[in-house]
């Protein structure tokens, strides 16, 4: 069994070496090809001019109304932001965490047991 494996490996090695040798010989046998000459490339730029569309100016009353609406919306947003800030729950105090609670309770229990 051991001999067969070795023979198989050496046969595969020989075949691989022969393949590499054939590839190298084939590459060496090919005549060198000269580089292709660069052909001039003609580039053209095409641009289509579009007609410019000019929007008519809005009436001054419409502009004033739009500005008023925008100011009202901005004021509403500011009021909503303030309300959200006021309604936000306050973060817990760092000195009142579990360790502090447990220590206070333990002292109370010790004091009651005396």
PDB file of N, CA and C in Angstrom:
ATOM      1  N   UNK A   1       0.824  -1.188   0.000  1.00  0.00           N
ATOM      2  CA  UNK A   1       0.000   0.000   0.000  1.00  0.00           C
ATOM      3  C   UNK A   1       0.874   1.260   0.000  1.00  0.00           C
ATOM      4  N   UNK A   2       1.913   1.183   0.809  1.00  0.00           N
ATOM      5  CA  UNK A   2       2.786   2.328   0.912  1.00  0.00           C
ATOM      6  C   UNK A   2       3.504   2.599  -0.410  1.00  0.00           C
ATOM      7  N   UNK A   3       3.931   1.566  -1.066  1.00  0.00           N
ATOM      8  CA  UNK A   3       4.636   1.696  -2.333  1.00  0.00           C
ATOM      9  C   UNK A   3       3.764   2.280  -3.427  1.00  0.00           C
ATOM     10  N   UNK A   4       2.495   1.905  -3.416  1.00  0.00           N
ATOM     11  CA  UNK A   4       1.578   2.417  -4.443  1.00  0.00           C
ATOM     12  C   UNK A   4       1.414   3.933  -4.313  1.00  0.00           C
ATOM     13  N   UNK A   5       1.293   4.382  -3.087  1.00  0.00           N
ATOM     14  CA  UNK A   5       1.111   5.812  -2.865  1.00  0.00           C
ATOM     15  C   UNK A   5       2.328   6.578  -3.360  1.00  0.00           C
ATOM     16  N   UNK A   6       3.491   6.058  -3.047  1.00  0.00           N
ATOM     17  CA  UNK A   6       4.709   6.739  -3.486  1.00  0.00           C
ATOM     18  C   UNK A   6       4.808   6.751  -5.006  1.00  0.00           C
ATOM     19  N   UNK A   7       4.499   5.606  -5.609  1.00  0.00           N
ATOM     20  CA  UNK A   7       4.564   5.537  -7.070  1.00  0.00           C
ATOM     21  C   UNK A   7       3.570   6.520  -7.691  1.00  0.00           C
ATOM     22  N   UNK A   8       2.384   6.590  -7.116  1.00  0.00           N
ATOM     23  CA  UNK A   8       1.365   7.512  -7.631  1.00  0.00           C
ATOM     24  C   UNK A   8       1.818   8.951  -7.548  1.00  0.00           C
ATOM     25  N   UNK A   9       2.467   9.263  -6.449  1.00  0.00           N
ATOM     26  CA  UNK A   9       2.940  10.634  -6.275  1.00  0.00           C
ATOM     27  C   UNK A   9       4.031  10.958  -7.288  1.00  0.00           C
ATOM     28  N   UNK A  10       4.962  10.030  -7.446  1.00  0.00           N
ATOM     29  CA  UNK A  10       6.067  10.314  -8.362  1.00  0.00           C
ATOM     30  C   UNK A  10       5.559  10.401  -9.799  1.00  0.00           C
ATOM     31  N   UNK A  11       4.563   9.592 -10.147  1.00  0.00           N
ATOM     32  CA  UNK A  11       3.988   9.650 -11.486  1.00  0.00           C
ATOM     33  C   UNK A  11       3.301  11.004 -11.713  1.00  0.00           C
ATOM     34  N   UNK A  12       2.599  11.455 -10.701  1.00  0.00           N
ATOM     35  CA  UNK A  12       1.937  12.761 -10.812  1.00  0.00           C
ATOM     36  C   UNK A  12       2.970  13.871 -10.922  1.00  0.00           C
ATOM     37  N   UNK A  13       4.062  13.735 -10.164  1.00  0.00           N
ATOM     38  CA  UNK A  13       5.116  14.739 -10.218  1.00  0.00           C
ATOM     39  C   UNK A  13       5.743  14.793 -11.607  1.00  0.00           C
ATOM     40  N   UNK A  14       6.007  13.616 -12.162  1.00  0.00           N
ATOM     41  CA  UNK A  14       6.600  13.564 -13.504  1.00  0.00           C
ATOM     42  C   UNK A  14       5.675  14.194 -14.540  1.00  0.00           C
ATOM     43  N   UNK A  15       4.388  13.897 -14.428  1.00  0.00           N
ATOM     44  CA  UNK A  15       3.424  14.455 -15.383  1.00  0.00           C
ATOM     45  C   UNK A  15       3.367  15.974 -15.255  1.00  0.00           C
ATOM     46  N   UNK A  16       3.407  16.461 -14.030  1.00  0.00           N
ATOM     47  CA  UNK A  16       3.371  17.904 -13.801  1.00  0.00           C
ATOM     48  C   UNK A  16       4.614  18.562 -14.394  1.00  0.00           C
ATOM     49  N   UNK A  17       5.777  17.961 -14.154  1.00  0.00           N
ATOM     50  CA  UNK A  17       7.026  18.515 -14.692  1.00  0.00           C
ATOM     51  C   UNK A  17       7.012  18.522 -16.219  1.00  0.00           C
ATOM     52  N   UNK A  18       6.495  17.446 -16.799  1.00  0.00           N
ATOM     53  CA  UNK A  18       6.429  17.369 -18.261  1.00  0.00           C
ATOM     54  C   UNK A  18       5.497  18.445 -18.803  1.00  0.00           C
ATOM     55  N   UNK A  19       4.390  18.695 -18.125  1.00  0.00           N
ATOM     56  CA  UNK A  19       3.452  19.735 -18.558  1.00  0.00           C
ATOM     57  C   UNK A  19       4.083  21.107 -18.504  1.00  0.00           C
ATOM     58  N   UNK A  20       4.821  21.384 -17.437  1.00  0.00           N
ATOM     59  CA  UNK A  20       5.487  22.680 -17.306  1.00  0.00           C
ATOM     60  C   UNK A  20       6.546  22.829 -18.393  1.00  0.00           C
ATOM     61  N   UNK A  21       7.301  21.759 -18.647  1.00  0.00           N
ATOM     62  CA  UNK A  21       8.342  21.818 -19.679  1.00  0.00           C
ATOM     63  C   UNK A  21       7.726  22.070 -21.050  1.00  0.00           C
ATOM     64  N   UNK A  22       6.615  21.399 -21.353  1.00  0.00           N
ATOM     65  CA  UNK A  22       5.946  21.616 -22.639  1.00  0.00           C
ATOM     66  C   UNK A  22       5.434  23.046 -22.763  1.00  0.00           C
ATOM     67  N   UNK A  23       4.902  23.578 -21.685  1.00  0.00           N
ATOM     68  CA  UNK A  23       4.393  24.949 -21.724  1.00  0.00           C
ATOM     69  C   UNK A  23       5.525  25.931 -21.982  1.00  0.00           C
ATOM     70  N   UNK A  24       6.671  25.720 -21.327  1.00  0.00           N
ATOM     71  CA  UNK A  24       7.810  26.616 -21.534  1.00  0.00           C
ATOM     72  C   UNK A  24       8.349  26.506 -22.956  1.00  0.00           C
ATOM     73  N   UNK A  25       8.427  25.286 -23.475  1.00  0.00           N
ATOM     74  CA  UNK A  25       8.896  25.113 -24.852  1.00  0.00           C
ATOM     75  C   UNK A  25       7.932  25.749 -25.849  1.00  0.00           C
ATOM     76  N   UNK A  26       6.653  25.600 -25.603  1.00  0.00           N
ATOM     77  CA  UNK A  26       5.657  26.193 -26.496  1.00  0.00           C
ATOM     78  C   UNK A  26       5.737  27.705 -26.489  1.00  0.00           C
ATOM     79  N   UNK A  27       5.947  28.295 -25.303  1.00  0.00           N
ATOM     80  CA  UNK A  27       6.053  29.749 -25.208  1.00  0.00           C
ATOM     81  C   UNK A  27       7.321  30.243 -25.890  1.00  0.00           C
ATOM     82  N   UNK A  28       8.403  29.473 -25.782  1.00  0.00           N
ATOM     83  CA  UNK A  28       9.665  29.885 -26.400  1.00  0.00           C
ATOM     84  C   UNK A  28       9.605  29.739 -27.916  1.00  0.00           C
ATOM     85  N   UNK A  29       8.807  28.791 -28.410  1.00  0.00           N
ATOM     86  CA  UNK A  29       8.730  28.547 -29.850  1.00  0.00           C
ATOM     87  C   UNK A  29       7.907  29.603 -30.578  1.00  0.00           C
ATOM     88  N   UNK A  30       7.051  30.318 -29.877  1.00  0.00           N
ATOM     89  CA  UNK A  30       6.222  31.338 -30.525  1.00  0.00           C
ATOM     90  C   UNK A  30       7.081  32.512 -30.959  1.00  0.00           C
ATOM     91  N   UNK A  31       6.862  33.023 -32.160  1.00  0.00           N
ATOM     92  CA  UNK A  31       7.641  34.186 -32.597  1.00  0.00           C
ATOM     93  C   UNK A  31       7.170  35.430 -31.834  1.00  0.00           C
ATOM     94  N   UNK A  32       8.097  36.317 -31.537  1.00  0.00           N
ATOM     95  CA  UNK A  32       7.692  37.534 -30.825  1.00  0.00           C
ATOM     96  C   UNK A  32       6.807  38.396 -31.720  1.00  0.00           C
ATOM     97  N   UNK A  33       5.765  38.943 -31.152  1.00  0.00           N
ATOM     98  CA  UNK A  33       4.849  39.783 -31.933  1.00  0.00           C
ATOM     99  C   UNK A  33       5.154  41.244 -31.643  1.00  0.00           C
ATOM    100  N   UNK A  34       5.292  42.042 -32.689  1.00  0.00           N
ATOM    101  CA  UNK A  34       5.553  43.461 -32.461  1.00  0.00           C
ATOM    102  C   UNK A  34       4.297  44.148 -31.915  1.00  0.00           C
ATOM    103  N   UNK A  35       4.517  45.192 -31.181  1.00  0.00           N
ATOM    104  CA  UNK A  35       3.403  45.943 -30.609  1.00  0.00           C
ATOM    105  C   UNK A  35       2.641  46.648 -31.719  1.00  0.00           C
ATOM    106  N   UNK A  36       1.317  46.723 -31.565  1.00  0.00           N
ATOM    107  CA  UNK A  36       0.501  47.402 -32.574  1.00  0.00           C
ATOM    108  C   UNK A  36       0.760  48.893 -32.534  1.00  0.00           C
ATOM    109  N   UNK A  37       0.766  49.484 -33.702  1.00  0.00           N
ATOM    110  CA  UNK A  37       0.948  50.927 -33.780  1.00  0.00           C
ATOM    111  C   UNK A  37      -0.327  51.608 -33.291  1.00  0.00           C
ATOM    112  N   UNK A  38      -0.151  52.690 -32.602  1.00  0.00           N
ATOM    113  CA  UNK A  38      -1.303  53.438 -32.102  1.00  0.00           C
ATOM    114  C   UNK A  38      -1.987  54.133 -33.266  1.00  0.00           C
ATOM    115  N   UNK A  39      -3.273  53.891 -33.393  1.00  0.00           N
ATOM    116  CA  UNK A  39      -4.049  54.566 -34.426  1.00  0.00           C
ATOM    117  C   UNK A  39      -4.630  55.839 -33.829  1.00  0.00           C
ATOM    118  N   UNK A  40      -4.677  56.910 -34.600  1.00  0.00           N
ATOM    119  CA  UNK A  40      -5.244  58.140 -34.051  1.00  0.00           C
ATOM    120  C   UNK A  40      -6.735  57.952 -33.753  1.00  0.00           C
ATOM    121  N   UNK A  41      -7.145  58.491 -32.648  1.00  0.00           N
ATOM    122  CA  UNK A  41      -8.539  58.374 -32.220  1.00  0.00           C
ATOM    123  C   UNK A  41      -9.185  59.745 -32.367  1.00  0.00           C
ATOM    124  N   UNK A  42     -10.255  59.791 -33.126  1.00  0.00           N
ATOM    125  CA  UNK A  42     -10.965  61.049 -33.311  1.00  0.00           C
ATOM    126  C   UNK A  42     -12.094  61.128 -32.295  1.00  0.00           C
ATOM    127  N   UNK A  43     -12.014  62.108 -31.437  1.00  0.00           N
ATOM    128  CA  UNK A  43     -13.052  62.325 -30.435  1.00  0.00           C
ATOM    129  C   UNK A  43     -13.816  63.585 -30.795  1.00  0.00           C
ATOM    130  N   UNK A  44     -15.102  63.501 -30.695  1.00  0.00           N
ATOM    131  CA  UNK A  44     -15.922  64.686 -30.947  1.00  0.00           C
ATOM    132  C   UNK A  44     -16.797  64.929 -29.735  1.00  0.00           C
ATOM    133  N   UNK A  45     -17.003  66.180 -29.446  1.00  0.00           N
ATOM    134  CA  UNK A  45     -17.864  66.562 -28.332  1.00  0.00           C
ATOM    135  C   UNK A  45     -19.160  67.081 -28.913  1.00  0.00           C
ATOM    136  N   UNK A  46     -20.224  66.476 -28.475  1.00  0.00           N
ATOM    137  CA  UNK A  46     -21.535  66.911 -28.938  1.00  0.00           C
ATOM    138  C   UNK A  46     -22.307  67.453 -27.746  1.00  0.00           C
ATOM    139  N   UNK A  47     -22.857  68.617 -27.918  1.00  0.00           N
ATOM    140  CA  UNK A  47     -23.646  69.227 -26.852  1.00  0.00           C
ATOM    141  C   UNK A  47     -24.958  69.709 -27.446  1.00  0.00           C
ATOM    142  N   UNK A  48     -26.012  69.392 -26.769  1.00  0.00           N
ATOM    143  CA  UNK A  48     -27.327  69.856 -27.217  1.00  0.00           C
ATOM    144  C   UNK A  48     -27.740  71.014 -26.314  1.00  0.00           C
ATOM    145  N   UNK A  49     -28.014  72.119 -26.912  1.00  0.00           N
ATOM    146  CA  UNK A  49     -28.427  73.281 -26.141  1.00  0.00           C
ATOM    147  C   UNK A  49     -29.902  73.161 -25.827  1.00  0.00           C
ATOM    148  N   UNK A  50     -30.188  73.258 -24.563  1.00  0.00           N
ATOM    149  CA  UNK A  50     -31.587  73.200 -24.147  1.00  0.00           C
ATOM    150  C   UNK A  50     -32.114  74.614 -23.971  1.00  0.00           C
ATOM    151  N   UNK A  51     -33.358  74.708 -24.184  1.00  0.00           N
ATOM    152  CA  UNK A  51     -33.992  76.000 -24.024  1.00  0.00           C
ATOM    153  C   UNK A  51     -34.137  76.296 -22.536  1.00  0.00           C
ATOM    154  N   UNK A  52     -33.761  77.480 -22.130  1.00  0.00           N
ATOM    155  CA  UNK A  52     -33.832  77.862 -20.724  1.00  0.00           C
ATOM    156  C   UNK A  52     -35.270  78.240 -20.398  1.00  0.00           C
ATOM    157  N   UNK A  53     -35.784  77.616 -19.343  1.00  0.00           N
ATOM    158  CA  UNK A  53     -37.152  77.903 -18.922  1.00  0.00           C
ATOM    159  C   UNK A  53     -37.074  78.879 -17.753  1.00  0.00           C
ATOM    160  N   UNK A  54     -37.692  80.020 -17.915  1.00  0.00           N
ATOM    161  CA  UNK A  54     -37.705  81.032 -16.863  1.00  0.00           C
ATOM    162  C   UNK A  54     -39.085  81.023 -16.225  1.00  0.00           C
ATOM    163  N   UNK A  55     -39.096  80.756 -14.918  1.00  0.00           N
ATOM    164  CA  UNK A  55     -40.369  80.737 -14.193  1.00  0.00           C
ATOM    165  C   UNK A  55     -40.811  82.175 -13.926  1.00  0.00           C
ATOM    166  N   UNK A  56     -42.101  82.427 -13.990  1.00  0.00           N
ATOM    167  CA  UNK A  56     -42.571  83.782 -13.688  1.00  0.00           C
ATOM    168  C   UNK A  56     -42.412  84.073 -12.194  1.00  0.00           C
ATOM    169  N   UNK A  57     -42.186  85.338 -11.881  1.00  0.00           N
ATOM    170  CA  UNK A  57     -42.040  85.724 -10.475  1.00  0.00           C
ATOM    171  C   UNK A  57     -43.377  85.587  -9.767  1.00  0.00           C
ATOM    172  N   UNK A  58     -43.351  85.049  -8.543  1.00  0.00           N
ATOM    173  CA  UNK A  58     -44.613  84.953  -7.804  1.00  0.00           C
ATOM    174  C   UNK A  58     -45.060  86.341  -7.341  1.00  0.00           C
ATOM    175  N   UNK A  59     -46.331  86.435  -7.096  1.00  0.00           N
ATOM    176  CA  UNK A  59     -46.887  87.710  -6.637  1.00  0.00           C
ATOM    177  C   UNK A  59     -46.352  88.017  -5.238  1.00  0.00           C
ATOM    178  N   UNK A  60     -46.161  89.292  -4.911  1.00  0.00           N
ATOM    179  CA  UNK A  60     -45.646  89.660  -3.585  1.00  0.00           C
ATOM    180  C   UNK A  60     -46.531  89.145  -2.449  1.00  0.00           C
ATOM    181  N   UNK A  61     -47.826  89.071  -2.673  1.00  0.00           N
ATOM    182  CA  UNK A  61     -48.724  88.575  -1.623  1.00  0.00           C
ATOM    183  C   UNK A  61     -48.445  87.094  -1.342  1.00  0.00           C
ATOM    184  N   UNK A  62     -48.172  86.342  -2.398  1.00  0.00           N
ATOM    185  CA  UNK A  62     -47.876  84.911  -2.233  1.00  0.00           C
ATOM    186  C   UNK A  62     -46.551  84.731  -1.491  1.00  0.00           C
ATOM    187  N   UNK A  63     -45.563  85.560  -1.810  1.00  0.00           N
ATOM    188  CA  UNK A  63     -44.263  85.478  -1.142  1.00  0.00           C
ATOM    189  C   UNK A  63     -44.417  85.794   0.339  1.00  0.00           C
ATOM    190  N   UNK A  64     -45.164  86.837   0.669  1.00  0.00           N
ATOM    191  CA  UNK A  64     -45.365  87.219   2.070  1.00  0.00           C
ATOM    192  C   UNK A  64     -46.105  86.115   2.818  1.00  0.00           C
ATOM    193  N   UNK A  65     -47.103  85.532   2.179  1.00  0.00           N
ATOM    194  CA  UNK A  65     -47.877  84.455   2.814  1.00  0.00           C
ATOM    195  C   UNK A  65     -46.985  83.237   3.081  1.00  0.00           C
ATOM    196  N   UNK A  66     -46.133  82.915   2.115  1.00  0.00           N
ATOM    197  CA  UNK A  66     -45.230  81.774   2.273  1.00  0.00           C
ATOM    198  C   UNK A  66     -44.222  82.029   3.394  1.00  0.00           C
ATOM    199  N   UNK A  67     -43.694  83.242   3.471  1.00  0.00           N
ATOM    200  CA  UNK A  67     -42.743  83.586   4.527  1.00  0.00           C
ATOM    201  C   UNK A  67     -43.404  83.505   5.894  1.00  0.00           C
ATOM    202  N   UNK A  68     -44.653  83.963   5.970  1.00  0.00           N
ATOM    203  CA  UNK A  68     -45.377  83.897   7.250  1.00  0.00           C
ATOM    204  C   UNK A  68     -45.610  82.452   7.667  1.00  0.00           C
ATOM    205  N   UNK A  69     -45.984  81.617   6.691  1.00  0.00           N
ATOM    206  CA  UNK A  69     -46.199  80.195   6.981  1.00  0.00           C
ATOM    207  C   UNK A  69     -44.911  79.543   7.478  1.00  0.00           C
ATOM    208  N   UNK A  70     -43.790  79.891   6.851  1.00  0.00           N
ATOM    209  CA  UNK A  70     -42.499  79.324   7.254  1.00  0.00           C
ATOM    210  C   UNK A  70     -42.113  79.781   8.657  1.00  0.00           C
ATOM    211  N   UNK A  71     -42.358  81.054   8.974  1.00  0.00           N
ATOM    212  CA  UNK A  71     -42.045  81.569  10.311  1.00  0.00           C
ATOM    213  C   UNK A  71     -42.905  80.885  11.363  1.00  0.00           C
ATOM    214  N   UNK A  72     -44.189  80.677  11.053  1.00  0.00           N
ATOM    215  CA  UNK A  72     -45.084  79.999  11.993  1.00  0.00           C
ATOM    216  C   UNK A  72     -44.630  78.555  12.221  1.00  0.00           C
ATOM    217  N   UNK A  73     -44.235  77.879  11.147  1.00  0.00           N
ATOM    218  CA  UNK A  73     -43.776  76.491  11.272  1.00  0.00           C
ATOM    219  C   UNK A  73     -42.491  76.418  12.094  1.00  0.00           C
ATOM    220  N   UNK A  74     -41.584  77.378  11.909  1.00  0.00           N
ATOM    221  CA  UNK A  74     -40.338  77.390  12.676  1.00  0.00           C
ATOM    222  C   UNK A  74     -40.619  77.620  14.155  1.00  0.00           C
ATOM    223  N   UNK A  75     -41.549  78.537  14.460  1.00  0.00           N
ATOM    224  CA  UNK A  75     -41.906  78.793  15.860  1.00  0.00           C
ATOM    225  C   UNK A  75     -42.546  77.554  16.480  1.00  0.00           C
ATOM    226  N   UNK A  76     -43.385  76.874  15.702  1.00  0.00           N
ATOM    227  CA  UNK A  76     -44.033  75.654  16.195  1.00  0.00           C
ATOM    228  C   UNK A  76     -42.990  74.575  16.493  1.00  0.00           C
ATOM    229  N   UNK A  77     -41.996  74.460  15.608  1.00  0.00           N
ATOM    230  CA  UNK A  77     -40.924  73.478  15.815  1.00  0.00           C
ATOM    231  C   UNK A  77     -40.116  73.792  17.068  1.00  0.00           C
ATOM    232  N   UNK A  78     -39.813  75.080  17.276  1.00  0.00           N
ATOM    233  CA  UNK A  78     -39.071  75.468  18.484  1.00  0.00           C
ATOM    234  C   UNK A  78     -39.857  75.134  19.734  1.00  0.00           C
ATOM    235  N   UNK A  79     -41.162  75.407  19.718  1.00  0.00           N
ATOM    236  CA  UNK A  79     -42.003  75.109  20.885  1.00  0.00           C
ATOM    237  C   UNK A  79     -42.067  73.600  21.128  1.00  0.00           C
ATOM    238  N   UNK A  80     -42.166  72.829  20.055  1.00  0.00           N
ATOM    239  CA  UNK A  80     -42.210  71.370  20.205  1.00  0.00           C
ATOM    240  C   UNK A  80     -40.887  70.847  20.758  1.00  0.00           C
ATOM    241  N   UNK A  81     -39.769  71.420  20.313  1.00  0.00           N
ATOM    242  CA  UNK A  81     -38.465  70.984  20.817  1.00  0.00           C
ATOM    243  C   UNK A  81     -38.329  71.296  22.302  1.00  0.00           C
ATOM    244  N   UNK A  82     -38.805  72.472  22.713  1.00  0.00           N
ATOM    245  CA  UNK A  82     -38.757  72.819  24.139  1.00  0.00           C
ATOM    246  C   UNK A  82     -39.639  71.885  24.960  1.00  0.00           C
ATOM    247  N   UNK A  83     -40.815  71.543  24.430  1.00  0.00           N
ATOM    248  CA  UNK A  83     -41.707  70.630  25.145  1.00  0.00           C
ATOM    249  C   UNK A  83     -41.073  69.242  25.259  1.00  0.00           C
ATOM    250  N   UNK A  84     -40.430  68.790  24.201  1.00  0.00           N
ATOM    251  CA  UNK A  84     -39.755  67.480  24.263  1.00  0.00           C
ATOM    252  C   UNK A  84     -38.634  67.502  25.287  1.00  0.00           C
ATOM    253  N   UNK A  85     -37.895  68.597  25.333  1.00  0.00           N
ATOM    254  CA  UNK A  85     -36.788  68.713  26.283  1.00  0.00           C
ATOM    255  C   UNK A  85     -37.305  68.713  27.717  1.00  0.00           C
ATOM    256  N   UNK A  86     -38.428  69.403  27.950  1.00  0.00           N
ATOM    257  CA  UNK A  86     -38.987  69.465  29.305  1.00  0.00           C
ATOM    258  C   UNK A  86     -39.578  68.122  29.723  1.00  0.00           C
ATOM    259  N   UNK A  87     -40.134  67.373  28.773  1.00  0.00           N
ATOM    260  CA  UNK A  87     -40.776  66.102  29.100  1.00  0.00           C
ATOM    261  C   UNK A  87     -39.777  64.950  29.167  1.00  0.00           C
ATOM    262  N   UNK A  88     -38.552  65.186  28.778  1.00  0.00           N
ATOM    263  CA  UNK A  88     -37.545  64.122  28.791  1.00  0.00           C
ATOM    264  C   UNK A  88     -37.251  63.715  30.231  1.00  0.00           C
ATOM    265  N   UNK A  89     -37.226  62.422  30.514  1.00  0.00           N
ATOM    266  CA  UNK A  89     -36.948  61.993  31.885  1.00  0.00           C
ATOM    267  C   UNK A  89     -35.515  62.352  32.282  1.00  0.00           C
ATOM    268  N   UNK A  90     -35.363  62.768  33.513  1.00  0.00           N
ATOM    269  CA  UNK A  90     -34.048  63.140  34.004  1.00  0.00           C
ATOM    270  C   UNK A  90     -33.208  61.891  34.232  1.00  0.00           C
ATOM    271  N   UNK A  91     -31.940  61.941  33.928  1.00  0.00           N
ATOM    272  CA  UNK A  91     -31.090  60.770  34.173  1.00  0.00           C
ATOM    273  C   UNK A  91     -30.953  60.527  35.678  1.00  0.00           C
ATOM    274  N   UNK A  92     -30.807  59.283  36.085  1.00  0.00           N
ATOM    275  CA  UNK A  92     -30.693  59.006  37.517  1.00  0.00           C
ATOM    276  C   UNK A  92     -29.400  59.594  38.076  1.00  0.00           C
ATOM    277  N   UNK A  93     -29.461  59.954  39.338  1.00  0.00           N
ATOM    278  CA  UNK A  93     -28.275  60.519  39.970  1.00  0.00           C
ATOM    279  C   UNK A  93     -27.224  59.434  40.112  1.00  0.00           C
ATOM    280  N   UNK A  94     -25.978  59.750  39.845  1.00  0.00           N
ATOM    281  CA  UNK A  94     -24.941  58.719  39.908  1.00  0.00           C
ATOM    282  C   UNK A  94     -24.673  58.223  41.324  1.00  0.00           C
ATOM    283  N   UNK A  95     -25.011  59.029  42.329  1.00  0.00           N
ATOM    284  CA  UNK A  95     -24.741  58.600  43.702  1.00  0.00           C
ATOM    285  C   UNK A  95     -25.858  57.739  44.282  1.00  0.00           C
ATOM    286  N   UNK A  96     -26.901  57.448  43.518  1.00  0.00           N
ATOM    287  CA  UNK A  96     -28.002  56.627  44.017  1.00  0.00           C
ATOM    288  C   UNK A  96     -28.133  55.338  43.214  1.00  0.00           C
ATOM    289  N   UNK A  97     -27.054  54.659  43.011  1.00  0.00           N
ATOM    290  CA  UNK A  97     -27.085  53.397  42.284  1.00  0.00           C
ATOM    291  C   UNK A  97     -27.253  52.246  43.257  1.00  0.00           C
ATOM    292  N   UNK A  98     -27.198  51.022  42.738  1.00  0.00           N
ATOM    293  CA  UNK A  98     -27.468  49.821  43.525  1.00  0.00           C
ATOM    294  C   UNK A  98     -26.546  49.708  44.737  1.00  0.00           C
ATOM    295  N   UNK A  99     -25.274  50.025  44.571  1.00  0.00           N
ATOM    296  CA  UNK A  99     -24.328  49.899  45.685  1.00  0.00           C
ATOM    297  C   UNK A  99     -24.740  50.786  46.852  1.00  0.00           C
ATOM    298  N   UNK A 100     -25.187  52.000  46.535  1.00  0.00           N
ATOM    299  CA  UNK A 100     -25.598  52.928  47.590  1.00  0.00           C
ATOM    300  C   UNK A 100     -26.849  52.407  48.284  1.00  0.00           C
ATOM    301  N   UNK A 101     -27.839  51.967  47.504  1.00  0.00           N
ATOM    302  CA  UNK A 101     -29.061  51.426  48.105  1.00  0.00           C
ATOM    303  C   UNK A 101     -28.742  50.247  49.013  1.00  0.00           C
ATOM    304  N   UNK A 102     -27.919  49.336  48.519  1.00  0.00           N
ATOM    305  CA  UNK A 102     -27.602  48.134  49.286  1.00  0.00           C
ATOM    306  C   UNK A 102     -26.875  48.489  50.578  1.00  0.00           C
ATOM    307  N   UNK A 103     -25.968  49.449  50.532  1.00  0.00           N
ATOM    308  CA  UNK A 103     -25.228  49.847  51.730  1.00  0.00           C
ATOM    309  C   UNK A 103     -26.152  50.472  52.753  1.00  0.00           C
ATOM    310  N   UNK A 104     -27.032  51.346  52.300  1.00  0.00           N
ATOM    311  CA  UNK A 104     -27.972  51.997  53.224  1.00  0.00           C
ATOM    312  C   UNK A 104     -28.874  50.965  53.877  1.00  0.00           C
ATOM    313  N   UNK A 105     -29.382  50.027  53.106  1.00  0.00           N
ATOM    314  CA  UNK A 105     -30.263  48.998  53.663  1.00  0.00           C
ATOM    315  C   UNK A 105     -29.500  48.099  54.633  1.00  0.00           C
ATOM    316  N   UNK A 106     -28.251  47.758  54.291  1.00  0.00           N
ATOM    317  CA  UNK A 106     -27.461  46.900  55.181  1.00  0.00           C
ATOM    318  C   UNK A 106     -27.202  47.596  56.509  1.00  0.00           C
ATOM    319  N   UNK A 107     -26.931  48.890  56.475  1.00  0.00           N
ATOM    320  CA  UNK A 107     -26.714  49.637  57.724  1.00  0.00           C
ATOM    321  C   UNK A 107     -27.989  49.670  58.555  1.00  0.00           C
ATOM    322  N   UNK A 108     -29.120  49.836  57.858  1.00  0.00           N
ATOM    323  CA  UNK A 108     -30.398  49.849  58.587  1.00  0.00           C
ATOM    324  C   UNK A 108     -30.672  48.517  59.257  1.00  0.00           C
ATOM    325  N   UNK A 109     -30.377  47.437  58.571  1.00  0.00           N
ATOM    326  CA  UNK A 109     -30.598  46.103  59.142  1.00  0.00           C
ATOM    327  C   UNK A 109     -29.650  45.877  60.311  1.00  0.00           C
ATOM    328  N   UNK A 110     -28.384  46.277  60.152  1.00  0.00           N
ATOM    329  CA  UNK A 110     -27.419  46.113  61.248  1.00  0.00           C
ATOM    330  C   UNK A 110     -27.829  46.934  62.464  1.00  0.00           C
ATOM    331  N   UNK A 111     -28.324  48.129  62.212  1.00  0.00           N
ATOM    332  CA  UNK A 111     -28.748  48.987  63.330  1.00  0.00           C
ATOM    333  C   UNK A 111     -29.953  48.409  64.052  1.00  0.00           C
ATOM    334  N   UNK A 112     -30.842  47.773  63.308  1.00  0.00           N
ATOM    335  CA  UNK A 112     -32.039  47.194  63.920  1.00  0.00           C
ATOM    336  C   UNK A 112     -31.687  45.944  64.719  1.00  0.00           C
ATOM    337  N   UNK A 113     -30.636  45.250  64.341  1.00  0.00           N
ATOM    338  CA  UNK A 113     -30.249  44.020  65.033  1.00  0.00           C
ATOM    339  C   UNK A 113     -29.441  44.291  66.301  1.00  0.00           C
ATOM    340  N   UNK A 114     -28.980  45.467  66.545  1.00  0.00           N
ATOM    341  CA  UNK A 114     -28.171  45.759  67.738  1.00  0.00           C
ATOM    342  C   UNK A 114     -28.959  45.742  68.972  1.00  0.00           C
TER     343      UNK A 114
END
